[in-house]
Amino acid sequence: MCGTCGCSDGPGVRVIDPDHHHDQHHHDTRTVAVELDVLAHNDGLAGRNRDRLAELGVVAVNLMSSPGSGKTTLLERTIRDLGVDVPCVVLEGDQETLIDAERIRSAGARAVQINTGAGCHLDADMVASGLRALAPAAGSLLFVENVGNLVCPALFDLGETARVVIMSVTEGADKPLKYPHMFRTADLVLLTKIDLLPYVDFDVAAFTAGARRARPGVALVPLSATTGTGMEGWYGWLRALRADPGRELVQAPATAT
């Protein structure tokens, strides 16, 4: 069991490289009684991932959201638009299937699928296994598409350079208030599917206020991966991150004088 959320299915975790058509099975039968022990162990592995990625000059972006926010569609367009100039690779996290990895490969990027079985999030050990299979080239932009879940992924450091929380206008604008820890960890918030705003009841101002209540100063980019509206704001953020991975990503809010 996970120890933090009780969701882990160790023997069910499979790292799948579609190029080689084989599974790497993860068997971790350790039982950890205390949540802090689980997170400390994960953080140690995440630190190793971070060091390895830094050695390669790979910038890793952890994409987190609920299911159906449009993460994969966003990645498909990002790969097609940026892939000519920026080498993009993807670790895909889902409980089952190769559907999203195949979509990413069709868009033109190398992808490795991590199927978590009953698990509702990726952890640093899964990502380490995925990185061995993916073998990203030096200077790559690595996207980690986490399992759709607004709770557990926020707890687990993967060794990423930055965290992006994605939410669509088809979800409730109160999500940052209901799931504050997820938004509290965000280096950037993307509001997707804005082409649907004329047809849904979504309060952008309330959502923005909620996100910045959870994470003061966080940048928020509204966009549509379908129409392309707002995508340049996302691409500009990625370019700046690659140019200076160590920069301060979230600006402190201005204080009144």
C-alpha atoms as a PDB file:
ATOM      1  CA  MET A   1       0.000   0.000   0.000  1.00  0.00           C
ATOM      2  CA  CYS A   2       1.078   3.572  -0.671  1.00  0.00           C
ATOM      3  CA  GLY A   3       1.053   4.706   2.944  1.00  0.00           C
ATOM      4  CA  THR A   4      -0.158   8.172   2.004  1.00  0.00           C
ATOM      5  CA  CYS A   5      -3.262   7.424  -0.013  1.00  0.00           C
ATOM      6  CA  GLY A   6      -3.474   3.633   0.055  1.00  0.00           C
ATOM      7  CA  CYS A   7      -3.661   3.502  -3.723  1.00  0.00           C
ATOM      8  CA  SER A   8      -0.443   1.809  -4.758  1.00  0.00           C
ATOM      9  CA  ASP A   9      -0.475  -1.438  -6.686  1.00  0.00           C
ATOM     10  CA  GLY A  10       3.253  -2.256  -6.749  1.00  0.00           C
ATOM     11  CA  PRO A  11       3.148  -5.402  -8.884  1.00  0.00           C
ATOM     12  CA  GLY A  12       0.696  -3.640 -11.195  1.00  0.00           C
ATOM     13  CA  VAL A  13       3.091  -0.847 -12.169  1.00  0.00           C
ATOM     14  CA  ARG A  14       4.387  -1.268 -15.723  1.00  0.00           C
ATOM     15  CA  VAL A  15       6.824   0.935 -17.622  1.00  0.00           C
ATOM     16  CA  ILE A  16       6.219   0.396 -21.332  1.00  0.00           C
ATOM     17  CA  ASP A  17       8.428   1.566 -24.175  1.00  0.00           C
ATOM     18  CA  PRO A  18       6.343   1.163 -27.358  1.00  0.00           C
ATOM     19  CA  ASP A  19       9.524   1.052 -29.423  1.00  0.00           C
ATOM     20  CA  HIS A  20      10.636  -2.172 -27.743  1.00  0.00           C
ATOM     21  CA  HIS A  21       7.249  -3.758 -26.912  1.00  0.00           C
ATOM     22  CA  HIS A  22       8.084  -5.044 -23.471  1.00  0.00           C
ATOM     23  CA  ASP A  23       7.082  -4.292 -19.894  1.00  0.00           C
ATOM     24  CA  GLN A  24       9.407  -3.590 -17.020  1.00  0.00           C
ATOM     25  CA  HIS A  25       7.682  -4.800 -13.882  1.00  0.00           C
ATOM     26  CA  HIS A  26       8.140  -2.903 -10.662  1.00  0.00           C
ATOM     27  CA  HIS A  27       7.976  -5.109  -7.541  1.00  0.00           C
ATOM     28  CA  ASP A  28       8.194  -3.109  -4.322  1.00  0.00           C
ATOM     29  CA  THR A  29       6.743  -5.045  -1.404  1.00  0.00           C
ATOM     30  CA  ARG A  30       8.071  -2.825   1.388  1.00  0.00           C
ATOM     31  CA  THR A  31       5.346  -1.777   3.809  1.00  0.00           C
ATOM     32  CA  VAL A  32       5.786   1.693   5.249  1.00  0.00           C
ATOM     33  CA  ALA A  33       3.738   2.563   8.285  1.00  0.00           C
ATOM     34  CA  VAL A  34       4.278   6.311   8.436  1.00  0.00           C
ATOM     35  CA  GLU A  35       3.439   8.793   5.690  1.00  0.00           C
ATOM     36  CA  LEU A  36       6.632  10.761   6.324  1.00  0.00           C
ATOM     37  CA  ASP A  37       8.724   7.645   5.716  1.00  0.00           C
ATOM     38  CA  VAL A  38       7.090   7.170   2.318  1.00  0.00           C
ATOM     39  CA  LEU A  39       7.614  10.779   1.316  1.00  0.00           C
ATOM     40  CA  ALA A  40      11.200  10.882   2.610  1.00  0.00           C
ATOM     41  CA  HIS A  41      12.066   7.770   0.614  1.00  0.00           C
ATOM     42  CA  ASN A  42      10.403   9.251  -2.461  1.00  0.00           C
ATOM     43  CA  ASP A  43      12.200  12.571  -1.998  1.00  0.00           C
ATOM     44  CA  GLY A  44      15.570  10.812  -1.914  1.00  0.00           C
ATOM     45  CA  LEU A  45      14.825   9.127  -5.232  1.00  0.00           C
ATOM     46  CA  ALA A  46      13.489  12.400  -6.650  1.00  0.00           C
ATOM     47  CA  GLY A  47      16.770  14.074  -5.751  1.00  0.00           C
ATOM     48  CA  ARG A  48      18.644  11.459  -7.758  1.00  0.00           C
ATOM     49  CA  ASN A  49      16.301  12.005 -10.713  1.00  0.00           C
ATOM     50  CA  ARG A  50      16.869  15.757 -10.463  1.00  0.00           C
ATOM     51  CA  ASP A  51      20.642  15.336 -10.392  1.00  0.00           C
ATOM     52  CA  ARG A  52      20.575  13.016 -13.395  1.00  0.00           C
ATOM     53  CA  LEU A  53      18.372  15.361 -15.402  1.00  0.00           C
ATOM     54  CA  ALA A  54      20.595  18.312 -14.513  1.00  0.00           C
ATOM     55  CA  GLU A  55      23.656  16.397 -15.720  1.00  0.00           C
ATOM     56  CA  LEU A  56      21.928  15.908 -19.065  1.00  0.00           C
ATOM     57  CA  GLY A  57      20.627  19.455 -19.236  1.00  0.00           C
ATOM     58  CA  VAL A  58      17.073  18.101 -19.441  1.00  0.00           C
ATOM     59  CA  VAL A  59      14.254  20.361 -18.232  1.00  0.00           C
ATOM     60  CA  ALA A  60      11.375  18.310 -16.779  1.00  0.00           C
ATOM     61  CA  VAL A  61       7.827  19.645 -16.457  1.00  0.00           C
ATOM     62  CA  ASN A  62       5.329  17.745 -14.315  1.00  0.00           C
ATOM     63  CA  LEU A  63       1.800  18.237 -15.708  1.00  0.00           C
ATOM     64  CA  MET A  64      -0.912  17.625 -13.116  1.00  0.00           C
ATOM     65  CA  SER A  65      -4.689  17.853 -13.388  1.00  0.00           C
ATOM     66  CA  SER A  66      -7.944  15.994 -12.987  1.00  0.00           C
ATOM     67  CA  PRO A  67      -8.926  13.559 -15.776  1.00  0.00           C
ATOM     68  CA  GLY A  68     -10.231  15.218 -18.923  1.00  0.00           C
ATOM     69  CA  SER A  69      -8.548  18.612 -18.520  1.00  0.00           C
ATOM     70  CA  GLY A  70      -6.906  18.328 -21.934  1.00  0.00           C
ATOM     71  CA  LYS A  71      -3.315  17.499 -20.942  1.00  0.00           C
ATOM     72  CA  THR A  72      -2.687  15.145 -23.843  1.00  0.00           C
ATOM     73  CA  THR A  73      -4.285  17.473 -26.400  1.00  0.00           C
ATOM     74  CA  LEU A  74      -2.135  20.296 -25.041  1.00  0.00           C
ATOM     75  CA  LEU A  75       0.979  18.132 -25.400  1.00  0.00           C
ATOM     76  CA  GLU A  76       0.102  17.092 -28.946  1.00  0.00           C
ATOM     77  CA  ARG A  77      -0.136  20.710 -30.076  1.00  0.00           C
ATOM     78  CA  THR A  78       2.953  21.711 -28.075  1.00  0.00           C
ATOM     79  CA  ILE A  79       5.021  18.959 -29.688  1.00  0.00           C
ATOM     80  CA  ARG A  80       3.847  19.869 -33.171  1.00  0.00           C
ATOM     81  CA  ASP A  81       4.515  23.583 -32.636  1.00  0.00           C
ATOM     82  CA  LEU A  82       7.776  23.425 -30.670  1.00  0.00           C
ATOM     83  CA  GLY A  83       9.201  20.062 -31.700  1.00  0.00           C
ATOM     84  CA  VAL A  84      10.986  21.428 -34.765  1.00  0.00           C
ATOM     85  CA  ASP A  85      13.224  23.621 -32.589  1.00  0.00           C
ATOM     86  CA  VAL A  86      13.018  21.927 -29.183  1.00  0.00           C
ATOM     87  CA  PRO A  87      13.538  18.171 -28.682  1.00  0.00           C
ATOM     88  CA  CYS A  88      10.478  17.019 -26.722  1.00  0.00           C
ATOM     89  CA  VAL A  89      10.013  13.664 -24.960  1.00  0.00           C
ATOM     90  CA  VAL A  90       7.170  12.464 -22.749  1.00  0.00           C
ATOM     91  CA  LEU A  91       6.576  10.123 -19.825  1.00  0.00           C
ATOM     92  CA  GLU A  92       2.879   9.231 -19.893  1.00  0.00           C
ATOM     93  CA  GLY A  93       1.156   8.249 -16.648  1.00  0.00           C
ATOM     94  CA  ASP A  94      -2.153   6.345 -16.670  1.00  0.00           C
ATOM     95  CA  GLN A  95      -3.599   3.429 -14.764  1.00  0.00           C
ATOM     96  CA  GLU A  96      -3.996   1.398 -17.944  1.00  0.00           C
ATOM     97  CA  THR A  97      -3.609   1.412 -21.772  1.00  0.00           C
ATOM     98  CA  LEU A  98      -1.096   2.856 -24.238  1.00  0.00           C
ATOM     99  CA  ILE A  99      -3.637   5.275 -25.717  1.00  0.00           C
ATOM    100  CA  ASP A 100      -1.953   8.527 -24.705  1.00  0.00           C
ATOM    101  CA  ALA A 101       1.592   7.354 -25.471  1.00  0.00           C
ATOM    102  CA  GLU A 102       0.468   6.432 -28.974  1.00  0.00           C
ATOM    103  CA  ARG A 103      -1.121   9.863 -29.407  1.00  0.00           C
ATOM    104  CA  ILE A 104       2.133  11.512 -28.368  1.00  0.00           C
ATOM    105  CA  ARG A 105       4.160   9.340 -30.731  1.00  0.00           C
ATOM    106  CA  SER A 106       1.797  10.263 -33.563  1.00  0.00           C
ATOM    107  CA  ALA A 107       2.426  13.918 -32.767  1.00  0.00           C
ATOM    108  CA  GLY A 108       6.144  13.321 -33.316  1.00  0.00           C
ATOM    109  CA  ALA A 109       7.740  12.806 -29.901  1.00  0.00           C
ATOM    110  CA  ARG A 110       9.311   9.829 -28.157  1.00  0.00           C
ATOM    111  CA  ALA A 111       7.058   8.570 -25.368  1.00  0.00           C
ATOM    112  CA  VAL A 112       7.186   5.905 -22.685  1.00  0.00           C
ATOM    113  CA  GLN A 113       3.973   4.847 -20.956  1.00  0.00           C
ATOM    114  CA  ILE A 114       3.893   4.213 -17.215  1.00  0.00           C
ATOM    115  CA  ASN A 115       0.791   2.226 -16.235  1.00  0.00           C
ATOM    116  CA  THR A 116       0.244   2.403 -12.487  1.00  0.00           C
ATOM    117  CA  GLY A 117      -2.367  -0.325 -12.071  1.00  0.00           C
ATOM    118  CA  ALA A 118      -4.519   0.792  -9.138  1.00  0.00           C
ATOM    119  CA  GLY A 119      -2.125   3.634  -8.329  1.00  0.00           C
ATOM    120  CA  CYS A 120      -3.480   7.178  -8.679  1.00  0.00           C
ATOM    121  CA  HIS A 121      -0.176   9.033  -9.111  1.00  0.00           C
ATOM    122  CA  LEU A 122       3.369   8.707 -10.354  1.00  0.00           C
ATOM    123  CA  ASP A 123       6.245   8.606  -7.894  1.00  0.00           C
ATOM    124  CA  ALA A 124       9.981   9.165  -8.215  1.00  0.00           C
ATOM    125  CA  ASP A 125      10.790   5.458  -8.517  1.00  0.00           C
ATOM    126  CA  MET A 126       8.364   5.025 -11.438  1.00  0.00           C
ATOM    127  CA  VAL A 127       9.849   8.085 -13.132  1.00  0.00           C
ATOM    128  CA  ALA A 128      13.394   6.750 -12.635  1.00  0.00           C
ATOM    129  CA  SER A 129      12.362   3.530 -14.391  1.00  0.00           C
ATOM    130  CA  GLY A 130      10.651   5.505 -17.121  1.00  0.00           C
ATOM    131  CA  LEU A 131      13.745   7.656 -17.660  1.00  0.00           C
ATOM    132  CA  ARG A 132      15.898   4.561 -18.109  1.00  0.00           C
ATOM    133  CA  ALA A 133      13.539   3.360 -20.842  1.00  0.00           C
ATOM    134  CA  LEU A 134      13.121   6.796 -22.434  1.00  0.00           C
ATOM    135  CA  ALA A 135      16.805   7.806 -22.313  1.00  0.00           C
ATOM    136  CA  PRO A 136      16.175  11.502 -23.101  1.00  0.00           C
ATOM    137  CA  ALA A 137      18.869  13.203 -25.149  1.00  0.00           C
ATOM    138  CA  ALA A 138      20.869  16.047 -23.645  1.00  0.00           C
ATOM    139  CA  GLY A 139      18.995  19.318 -23.815  1.00  0.00           C
ATOM    140  CA  SER A 140      15.563  17.729 -24.168  1.00  0.00           C
ATOM    141  CA  LEU A 141      12.338  19.154 -22.812  1.00  0.00           C
ATOM    142  CA  LEU A 142      10.742  16.335 -20.822  1.00  0.00           C
ATOM    143  CA  PHE A 143       7.032  16.406 -20.082  1.00  0.00           C
ATOM    144  CA  VAL A 144       5.679  14.099 -17.383  1.00  0.00           C
ATOM    145  CA  GLU A 145       1.939  13.690 -17.846  1.00  0.00           C
ATOM    146  CA  ASN A 146       0.873  12.600 -14.388  1.00  0.00           C
ATOM    147  CA  VAL A 147      -2.138  10.403 -13.640  1.00  0.00           C
ATOM    148  CA  GLY A 148      -5.357  12.452 -13.632  1.00  0.00           C
ATOM    149  CA  ASN A 149      -5.952  13.265  -9.961  1.00  0.00           C
ATOM    150  CA  LEU A 150      -6.103  16.547  -8.018  1.00  0.00           C
ATOM    151  CA  VAL A 151      -4.881  15.067  -4.717  1.00  0.00           C
ATOM    152  CA  CYS A 152      -2.035  12.556  -4.572  1.00  0.00           C
ATOM    153  CA  PRO A 153       0.270  13.800  -7.378  1.00  0.00           C
ATOM    154  CA  ALA A 154       0.835  17.013  -5.407  1.00  0.00           C
ATOM    155  CA  LEU A 155       2.459  15.008  -2.592  1.00  0.00           C
ATOM    156  CA  PHE A 156       5.138  13.314  -4.673  1.00  0.00           C
ATOM    157  CA  ASP A 157       8.272  15.056  -5.913  1.00  0.00           C
ATOM    158  CA  LEU A 158       9.378  13.379  -9.144  1.00  0.00           C
ATOM    159  CA  GLY A 159      12.635  15.310  -9.590  1.00  0.00           C
ATOM    160  CA  GLU A 160      10.957  17.744 -11.981  1.00  0.00           C
ATOM    161  CA  THR A 161      12.184  21.225 -12.781  1.00  0.00           C
ATOM    162  CA  ALA A 162       8.708  22.747 -12.571  1.00  0.00           C
ATOM    163  CA  ARG A 163       5.103  21.856 -11.852  1.00  0.00           C
ATOM    164  CA  VAL A 164       2.182  22.944 -14.002  1.00  0.00           C
ATOM    165  CA  VAL A 165      -1.408  22.542 -12.819  1.00  0.00           C
ATOM    166  CA  ILE A 166      -3.961  22.358 -15.630  1.00  0.00           C
ATOM    167  CA  MET A 167      -7.683  22.900 -15.348  1.00  0.00           C
ATOM    168  CA  SER A 168     -10.351  23.284 -18.018  1.00  0.00           C
ATOM    169  CA  VAL A 169     -13.356  25.577 -18.105  1.00  0.00           C
ATOM    170  CA  THR A 170     -15.585  22.490 -18.115  1.00  0.00           C
ATOM    171  CA  GLU A 171     -14.654  21.972 -14.455  1.00  0.00           C
ATOM    172  CA  GLY A 172     -15.782  24.039 -11.486  1.00  0.00           C
ATOM    173  CA  ALA A 173     -14.114  27.415 -10.902  1.00  0.00           C
ATOM    174  CA  ASP A 174     -13.980  26.523  -7.203  1.00  0.00           C
ATOM    175  CA  LYS A 175     -11.418  23.731  -7.715  1.00  0.00           C
ATOM    176  CA  PRO A 176      -8.491  25.763  -6.245  1.00  0.00           C
ATOM    177  CA  LEU A 177     -10.526  26.220  -3.064  1.00  0.00           C
ATOM    178  CA  LYS A 178     -11.496  22.545  -2.884  1.00  0.00           C
ATOM    179  CA  TYR A 179      -8.016  21.219  -3.755  1.00  0.00           C
ATOM    180  CA  PRO A 180      -5.681  23.917  -2.412  1.00  0.00           C
ATOM    181  CA  HIS A 181      -2.640  21.698  -1.932  1.00  0.00           C
ATOM    182  CA  MET A 182      -2.458  20.896  -5.639  1.00  0.00           C
ATOM    183  CA  PHE A 183      -2.584  24.566  -6.604  1.00  0.00           C
ATOM    184  CA  ARG A 184      -0.210  25.477  -3.761  1.00  0.00           C
ATOM    185  CA  THR A 185       2.527  23.442  -5.469  1.00  0.00           C
ATOM    186  CA  ALA A 186       2.041  25.035  -8.919  1.00  0.00           C
ATOM    187  CA  ASP A 187       4.758  27.007 -10.699  1.00  0.00           C
ATOM    188  CA  LEU A 188       2.231  27.793 -13.441  1.00  0.00           C
ATOM    189  CA  VAL A 189      -1.521  27.348 -13.845  1.00  0.00           C
ATOM    190  CA  LEU A 190      -3.014  26.716 -17.290  1.00  0.00           C
ATOM    191  CA  LEU A 191      -6.728  27.259 -17.863  1.00  0.00           C
ATOM    192  CA  THR A 192      -7.624  25.167 -20.906  1.00  0.00           C
ATOM    193  CA  LYS A 193     -10.533  24.868 -23.362  1.00  0.00           C
ATOM    194  CA  ILE A 194     -11.270  28.597 -23.231  1.00  0.00           C
ATOM    195  CA  ASP A 195     -12.912  28.270 -26.649  1.00  0.00           C
ATOM    196  CA  LEU A 196     -15.827  26.731 -24.725  1.00  0.00           C
ATOM    197  CA  LEU A 197     -16.328  29.739 -22.413  1.00  0.00           C
ATOM    198  CA  PRO A 198     -19.381  31.010 -24.358  1.00  0.00           C
ATOM    199  CA  TYR A 199     -21.105  27.680 -23.742  1.00  0.00           C
ATOM    200  CA  VAL A 200     -20.294  26.906 -20.089  1.00  0.00           C
ATOM    201  CA  ASP A 201     -20.910  28.570 -16.743  1.00  0.00           C
ATOM    202  CA  PHE A 202     -17.361  29.299 -15.592  1.00  0.00           C
ATOM    203  CA  ASP A 203     -16.183  32.329 -13.595  1.00  0.00           C
ATOM    204  CA  VAL A 204     -12.621  33.048 -14.776  1.00  0.00           C
ATOM    205  CA  ALA A 205     -12.122  35.832 -12.214  1.00  0.00           C
ATOM    206  CA  ALA A 206     -13.185  33.577  -9.323  1.00  0.00           C
ATOM    207  CA  PHE A 207     -10.922  30.790 -10.572  1.00  0.00           C
ATOM    208  CA  THR A 208      -7.963  33.165 -10.874  1.00  0.00           C
ATOM    209  CA  ALA A 209      -8.561  34.550  -7.397  1.00  0.00           C
ATOM    210  CA  GLY A 210      -8.804  31.037  -5.964  1.00  0.00           C
ATOM    211  CA  ALA A 211      -5.609  29.894  -7.646  1.00  0.00           C
ATOM    212  CA  ARG A 212      -3.712  32.926  -6.365  1.00  0.00           C
ATOM    213  CA  ARG A 213      -5.182  32.509  -2.909  1.00  0.00           C
ATOM    214  CA  ALA A 214      -3.640  29.032  -2.854  1.00  0.00           C
ATOM    215  CA  ARG A 215      -0.414  30.158  -4.574  1.00  0.00           C
ATOM    216  CA  PRO A 216       0.134  33.928  -4.299  1.00  0.00           C
ATOM    217  CA  GLY A 217       1.846  35.366  -7.350  1.00  0.00           C
ATOM    218  CA  VAL A 218       1.424  32.300  -9.560  1.00  0.00           C
ATOM    219  CA  ALA A 219       1.189  33.027 -13.293  1.00  0.00           C
ATOM    220  CA  LEU A 220      -2.006  31.883 -14.989  1.00  0.00           C
ATOM    221  CA  VAL A 221      -2.273  31.355 -18.757  1.00  0.00           C
ATOM    222  CA  PRO A 222      -5.729  30.885 -20.353  1.00  0.00           C
ATOM    223  CA  LEU A 223      -5.502  28.989 -23.631  1.00  0.00           C
ATOM    224  CA  SER A 224      -7.143  26.689 -26.142  1.00  0.00           C
ATOM    225  CA  ALA A 225      -5.060  23.883 -27.632  1.00  0.00           C
ATOM    226  CA  THR A 226      -7.837  23.420 -30.210  1.00  0.00           C
ATOM    227  CA  THR A 227      -7.843  26.948 -31.636  1.00  0.00           C
ATOM    228  CA  GLY A 228      -4.320  27.991 -30.607  1.00  0.00           C
ATOM    229  CA  THR A 229      -5.538  30.981 -28.602  1.00  0.00           C
ATOM    230  CA  GLY A 230      -3.121  31.755 -25.753  1.00  0.00           C
ATOM    231  CA  MET A 231      -0.626  29.039 -26.682  1.00  0.00           C
ATOM    232  CA  GLU A 232       2.194  31.543 -27.198  1.00  0.00           C
ATOM    233  CA  GLY A 233       1.989  32.434 -23.502  1.00  0.00           C
ATOM    234  CA  TRP A 234       2.585  28.765 -22.667  1.00  0.00           C
ATOM    235  CA  TYR A 235       5.419  28.489 -25.171  1.00  0.00           C
ATOM    236  CA  GLY A 236       7.040  31.663 -23.870  1.00  0.00           C
ATOM    237  CA  TRP A 237       6.989  30.265 -20.342  1.00  0.00           C
ATOM    238  CA  LEU A 238       8.600  27.021 -21.539  1.00  0.00           C
ATOM    239  CA  ARG A 239      11.297  28.883 -23.482  1.00  0.00           C
ATOM    240  CA  ALA A 240      12.130  31.009 -20.445  1.00  0.00           C
ATOM    241  CA  LEU A 241      12.288  27.903 -18.248  1.00  0.00           C
ATOM    242  CA  ARG A 242      14.717  26.190 -20.647  1.00  0.00           C
ATOM    243  CA  ALA A 243      16.866  29.306 -20.826  1.00  0.00           C
ATOM    244  CA  ASP A 244      17.092  29.570 -17.032  1.00  0.00           C
ATOM    245  CA  PRO A 245      15.854  26.475 -15.178  1.00  0.00           C
ATOM    246  CA  GLY A 246      16.968  27.861 -11.829  1.00  0.00           C
ATOM    247  CA  ARG A 247      15.026  31.114 -12.042  1.00  0.00           C
ATOM    248  CA  GLU A 248      12.297  32.057  -9.591  1.00  0.00           C
ATOM    249  CA  LEU A 249       9.114  30.835 -11.256  1.00  0.00           C
ATOM    250  CA  VAL A 250       6.496  32.356  -8.979  1.00  0.00           C
ATOM    251  CA  GLN A 251       6.700  36.073  -8.287  1.00  0.00           C
ATOM    252  CA  ALA A 252       5.786  37.355  -4.863  1.00  0.00           C
ATOM    253  CA  PRO A 253       2.633  39.484  -5.037  1.00  0.00           C
ATOM    254  CA  ALA A 254       3.103  43.210  -4.791  1.00  0.00           C
ATOM    255  CA  THR A 255       2.353  44.678  -1.371  1.00  0.00           C
ATOM    256  CA  ALA A 256       0.481  47.875  -0.857  1.00  0.00           C
ATOM    257  CA  THR A 257       2.490  50.849   0.423  1.00  0.00           C
END
